[in-house]
Amino acid sequence: MLTKEQLDAAGIAVSDTLCADAALEWLDENTVLDVHDLESLPSAAKLFITKFCQAQQIRPGVASESIEGLSQSFTTGSDMAALIWDMANALLPQYLKRRVRFVQAAEKWR
């Protein structure tokens, strides 16, 4: 598990080390980045970790607001996986692994 000092030294502004660990696991699984050397991560990856942790604070549900007799309602954070992929596509498109995997017909029977 990471320490606050390791995150600070790498320039990652996150107070929750457990959340940062989860973000690094996501990056390790879904990108070609080497997440074991925090200081060599590109700035976009460090920003992704910060935004990943901020997204974990979003509570799903319906939000609404009213101003001068007008109102609007919308859903918030209903699909966390889609939100995280959207952030990754926006920040790290060149590092993402393909989400589609091809399996040879002969291989699927083994």
C-alpha atoms as a PDB file:
ATOM      1  CA  MET A   1       0.000   0.000   0.000  1.00  0.00           C
ATOM      2  CA  LEU A   2       1.148   3.490  -0.786  1.00  0.00           C
ATOM      3  CA  THR A   3       1.978   6.064   1.821  1.00  0.00           C
ATOM      4  CA  LYS A   4       1.057   9.736   1.824  1.00  0.00           C
ATOM      5  CA  GLU A   5       4.753  10.579   1.507  1.00  0.00           C
ATOM      6  CA  GLN A   6       5.086   8.476  -1.670  1.00  0.00           C
ATOM      7  CA  LEU A   7       2.102  10.222  -3.233  1.00  0.00           C
ATOM      8  CA  ASP A   8       3.419  13.657  -2.247  1.00  0.00           C
ATOM      9  CA  ALA A   9       6.861  12.863  -3.668  1.00  0.00           C
ATOM     10  CA  ALA A  10       5.274  11.821  -6.977  1.00  0.00           C
ATOM     11  CA  GLY A  11       3.178  14.998  -7.103  1.00  0.00           C
ATOM     12  CA  ILE A  12      -0.179  13.244  -6.765  1.00  0.00           C
ATOM     13  CA  ALA A  13      -2.636  15.358  -4.788  1.00  0.00           C
ATOM     14  CA  VAL A  14      -4.713  12.670  -3.071  1.00  0.00           C
ATOM     15  CA  SER A  15      -5.312  12.315   0.644  1.00  0.00           C
ATOM     16  CA  ASP A  16      -6.846   8.813   0.514  1.00  0.00           C
ATOM     17  CA  THR A  17      -4.045   6.309  -0.117  1.00  0.00           C
ATOM     18  CA  LEU A  18      -6.478   3.391  -0.447  1.00  0.00           C
ATOM     19  CA  CYS A  19      -8.285   5.199  -3.262  1.00  0.00           C
ATOM     20  CA  ALA A  20      -4.944   5.966  -4.940  1.00  0.00           C
ATOM     21  CA  ASP A  21      -4.073   2.259  -4.730  1.00  0.00           C
ATOM     22  CA  ALA A  22      -7.369   1.405  -6.431  1.00  0.00           C
ATOM     23  CA  ALA A  23      -6.686   3.969  -9.176  1.00  0.00           C
ATOM     24  CA  LEU A  24      -3.213   2.514  -9.731  1.00  0.00           C
ATOM     25  CA  GLU A  25      -4.683  -0.990  -9.965  1.00  0.00           C
ATOM     26  CA  TRP A  26      -7.154   0.308 -12.576  1.00  0.00           C
ATOM     27  CA  LEU A  27      -4.300   1.914 -14.525  1.00  0.00           C
ATOM     28  CA  ASP A  28      -2.206  -1.263 -14.309  1.00  0.00           C
ATOM     29  CA  GLU A  29      -5.053  -3.404 -15.628  1.00  0.00           C
ATOM     30  CA  ASN A  30      -6.350  -1.064 -18.346  1.00  0.00           C
ATOM     31  CA  THR A  31      -3.297   0.821 -19.616  1.00  0.00           C
ATOM     32  CA  VAL A  32       0.220   0.103 -20.811  1.00  0.00           C
ATOM     33  CA  LEU A  33       1.708   2.427 -18.182  1.00  0.00           C
ATOM     34  CA  ASP A  34       4.258   1.180 -15.640  1.00  0.00           C
ATOM     35  CA  VAL A  35       2.544   2.136 -12.394  1.00  0.00           C
ATOM     36  CA  HIS A  36       5.329   0.830 -10.173  1.00  0.00           C
ATOM     37  CA  ASP A  37       7.403   3.978 -10.618  1.00  0.00           C
ATOM     38  CA  LEU A  38       5.057   6.756  -9.497  1.00  0.00           C
ATOM     39  CA  GLU A  39       7.439   9.584 -10.256  1.00  0.00           C
ATOM     40  CA  SER A  40       7.790   8.573 -13.912  1.00  0.00           C
ATOM     41  CA  LEU A  41       4.030   8.536 -14.534  1.00  0.00           C
ATOM     42  CA  PRO A  42       2.904  11.151 -17.060  1.00  0.00           C
ATOM     43  CA  SER A  43       1.017  14.157 -15.700  1.00  0.00           C
ATOM     44  CA  ALA A  44      -2.197  12.901 -17.293  1.00  0.00           C
ATOM     45  CA  ALA A  45      -1.964   9.673 -15.276  1.00  0.00           C
ATOM     46  CA  LYS A  46      -1.418  11.617 -12.056  1.00  0.00           C
ATOM     47  CA  LEU A  47      -4.436  13.766 -12.890  1.00  0.00           C
ATOM     48  CA  PHE A  48      -6.448  10.595 -13.604  1.00  0.00           C
ATOM     49  CA  ILE A  49      -5.597   9.260 -10.132  1.00  0.00           C
ATOM     50  CA  THR A  50      -6.796  12.509  -8.559  1.00  0.00           C
ATOM     51  CA  LYS A  51     -10.014  12.537 -10.605  1.00  0.00           C
ATOM     52  CA  PHE A  52     -10.579   8.824  -9.946  1.00  0.00           C
ATOM     53  CA  CYS A  53     -10.553   9.541  -6.209  1.00  0.00           C
ATOM     54  CA  GLN A  54     -12.852  12.546  -6.630  1.00  0.00           C
ATOM     55  CA  ALA A  55     -15.286  10.413  -8.635  1.00  0.00           C
ATOM     56  CA  GLN A  56     -15.488   7.938  -5.758  1.00  0.00           C
ATOM     57  CA  GLN A  57     -17.101  10.707  -3.689  1.00  0.00           C
ATOM     58  CA  ILE A  58     -20.035  11.031  -6.113  1.00  0.00           C
ATOM     59  CA  ARG A  59     -23.153   9.426  -4.745  1.00  0.00           C
ATOM     60  CA  PRO A  60     -25.549   8.015  -7.347  1.00  0.00           C
ATOM     61  CA  GLY A  61     -29.069   9.315  -7.444  1.00  0.00           C
ATOM     62  CA  VAL A  62     -31.220  12.099  -8.764  1.00  0.00           C
ATOM     63  CA  ALA A  63     -30.188  15.695  -8.276  1.00  0.00           C
ATOM     64  CA  SER A  64     -32.464  18.627  -8.866  1.00  0.00           C
ATOM     65  CA  GLU A  65     -32.391  22.365  -8.590  1.00  0.00           C
ATOM     66  CA  SER A  66     -34.979  25.104  -8.732  1.00  0.00           C
ATOM     67  CA  ILE A  67     -34.431  28.737  -9.632  1.00  0.00           C
ATOM     68  CA  GLU A  68     -37.204  31.314  -9.998  1.00  0.00           C
ATOM     69  CA  GLY A  69     -39.911  28.714 -10.577  1.00  0.00           C
ATOM     70  CA  LEU A  70     -37.856  26.738 -13.101  1.00  0.00           C
ATOM     71  CA  SER A  71     -36.503  23.333 -12.161  1.00  0.00           C
ATOM     72  CA  GLN A  72     -34.375  20.616 -13.614  1.00  0.00           C
ATOM     73  CA  SER A  73     -33.545  17.082 -12.528  1.00  0.00           C
ATOM     74  CA  PHE A  74     -30.790  14.758 -13.654  1.00  0.00           C
ATOM     75  CA  THR A  75     -29.075  11.580 -12.556  1.00  0.00           C
ATOM     76  CA  THR A  76     -25.645  11.782 -11.005  1.00  0.00           C
ATOM     77  CA  GLY A  77     -22.978   9.113 -11.027  1.00  0.00           C
ATOM     78  CA  SER A  78     -25.319   6.294 -11.943  1.00  0.00           C
ATOM     79  CA  ASP A  79     -22.659   4.426 -13.929  1.00  0.00           C
ATOM     80  CA  MET A  80     -19.285   4.753 -12.226  1.00  0.00           C
ATOM     81  CA  ALA A  81     -17.531   2.428 -14.684  1.00  0.00           C
ATOM     82  CA  ALA A  82     -18.610   4.557 -17.648  1.00  0.00           C
ATOM     83  CA  LEU A  83     -17.505   7.710 -15.840  1.00  0.00           C
ATOM     84  CA  ILE A  84     -14.048   6.252 -15.155  1.00  0.00           C
ATOM     85  CA  TRP A  85     -13.659   5.073 -18.755  1.00  0.00           C
ATOM     86  CA  ASP A  86     -14.721   8.512 -19.998  1.00  0.00           C
ATOM     87  CA  MET A  87     -12.062  10.134 -17.812  1.00  0.00           C
ATOM     88  CA  ALA A  88      -9.454   7.660 -19.052  1.00  0.00           C
ATOM     89  CA  ASN A  89     -10.421   8.230 -22.686  1.00  0.00           C
ATOM     90  CA  ALA A  90     -10.147  11.975 -22.191  1.00  0.00           C
ATOM     91  CA  LEU A  91      -6.835  11.939 -20.301  1.00  0.00           C
ATOM     92  CA  LEU A  92      -4.997   8.795 -21.407  1.00  0.00           C
ATOM     93  CA  PRO A  93      -6.142   7.755 -24.905  1.00  0.00           C
ATOM     94  CA  GLN A  94      -2.652   6.826 -26.110  1.00  0.00           C
ATOM     95  CA  TYR A  95      -2.012   4.543 -23.112  1.00  0.00           C
ATOM     96  CA  LEU A  96      -5.304   2.617 -22.956  1.00  0.00           C
ATOM     97  CA  LYS A  97      -5.468  -1.068 -23.788  1.00  0.00           C
ATOM     98  CA  ARG A  98      -8.204  -2.152 -26.166  1.00  0.00           C
ATOM     99  CA  ARG A  99     -11.422  -3.159 -24.442  1.00  0.00           C
ATOM    100  CA  VAL A 100     -12.157  -5.732 -27.154  1.00  0.00           C
ATOM    101  CA  ARG A 101     -10.382  -9.058 -27.110  1.00  0.00           C
ATOM    102  CA  PHE A 102     -10.290 -11.473 -30.036  1.00  0.00           C
ATOM    103  CA  VAL A 103     -10.181 -15.214 -29.459  1.00  0.00           C
ATOM    104  CA  GLN A 104      -9.415 -17.647 -32.263  1.00  0.00           C
ATOM    105  CA  ALA A 105     -12.238 -20.119 -32.890  1.00  0.00           C
ATOM    106  CA  ALA A 106      -9.906 -23.074 -32.222  1.00  0.00           C
ATOM    107  CA  GLU A 107      -8.807 -21.536 -28.901  1.00  0.00           C
ATOM    108  CA  LYS A 108     -12.271 -21.142 -27.437  1.00  0.00           C
ATOM    109  CA  TRP A 109     -12.735 -24.901 -27.172  1.00  0.00           C
ATOM    110  CA  ARG A 110      -9.593 -25.536 -25.148  1.00  0.00           C
END
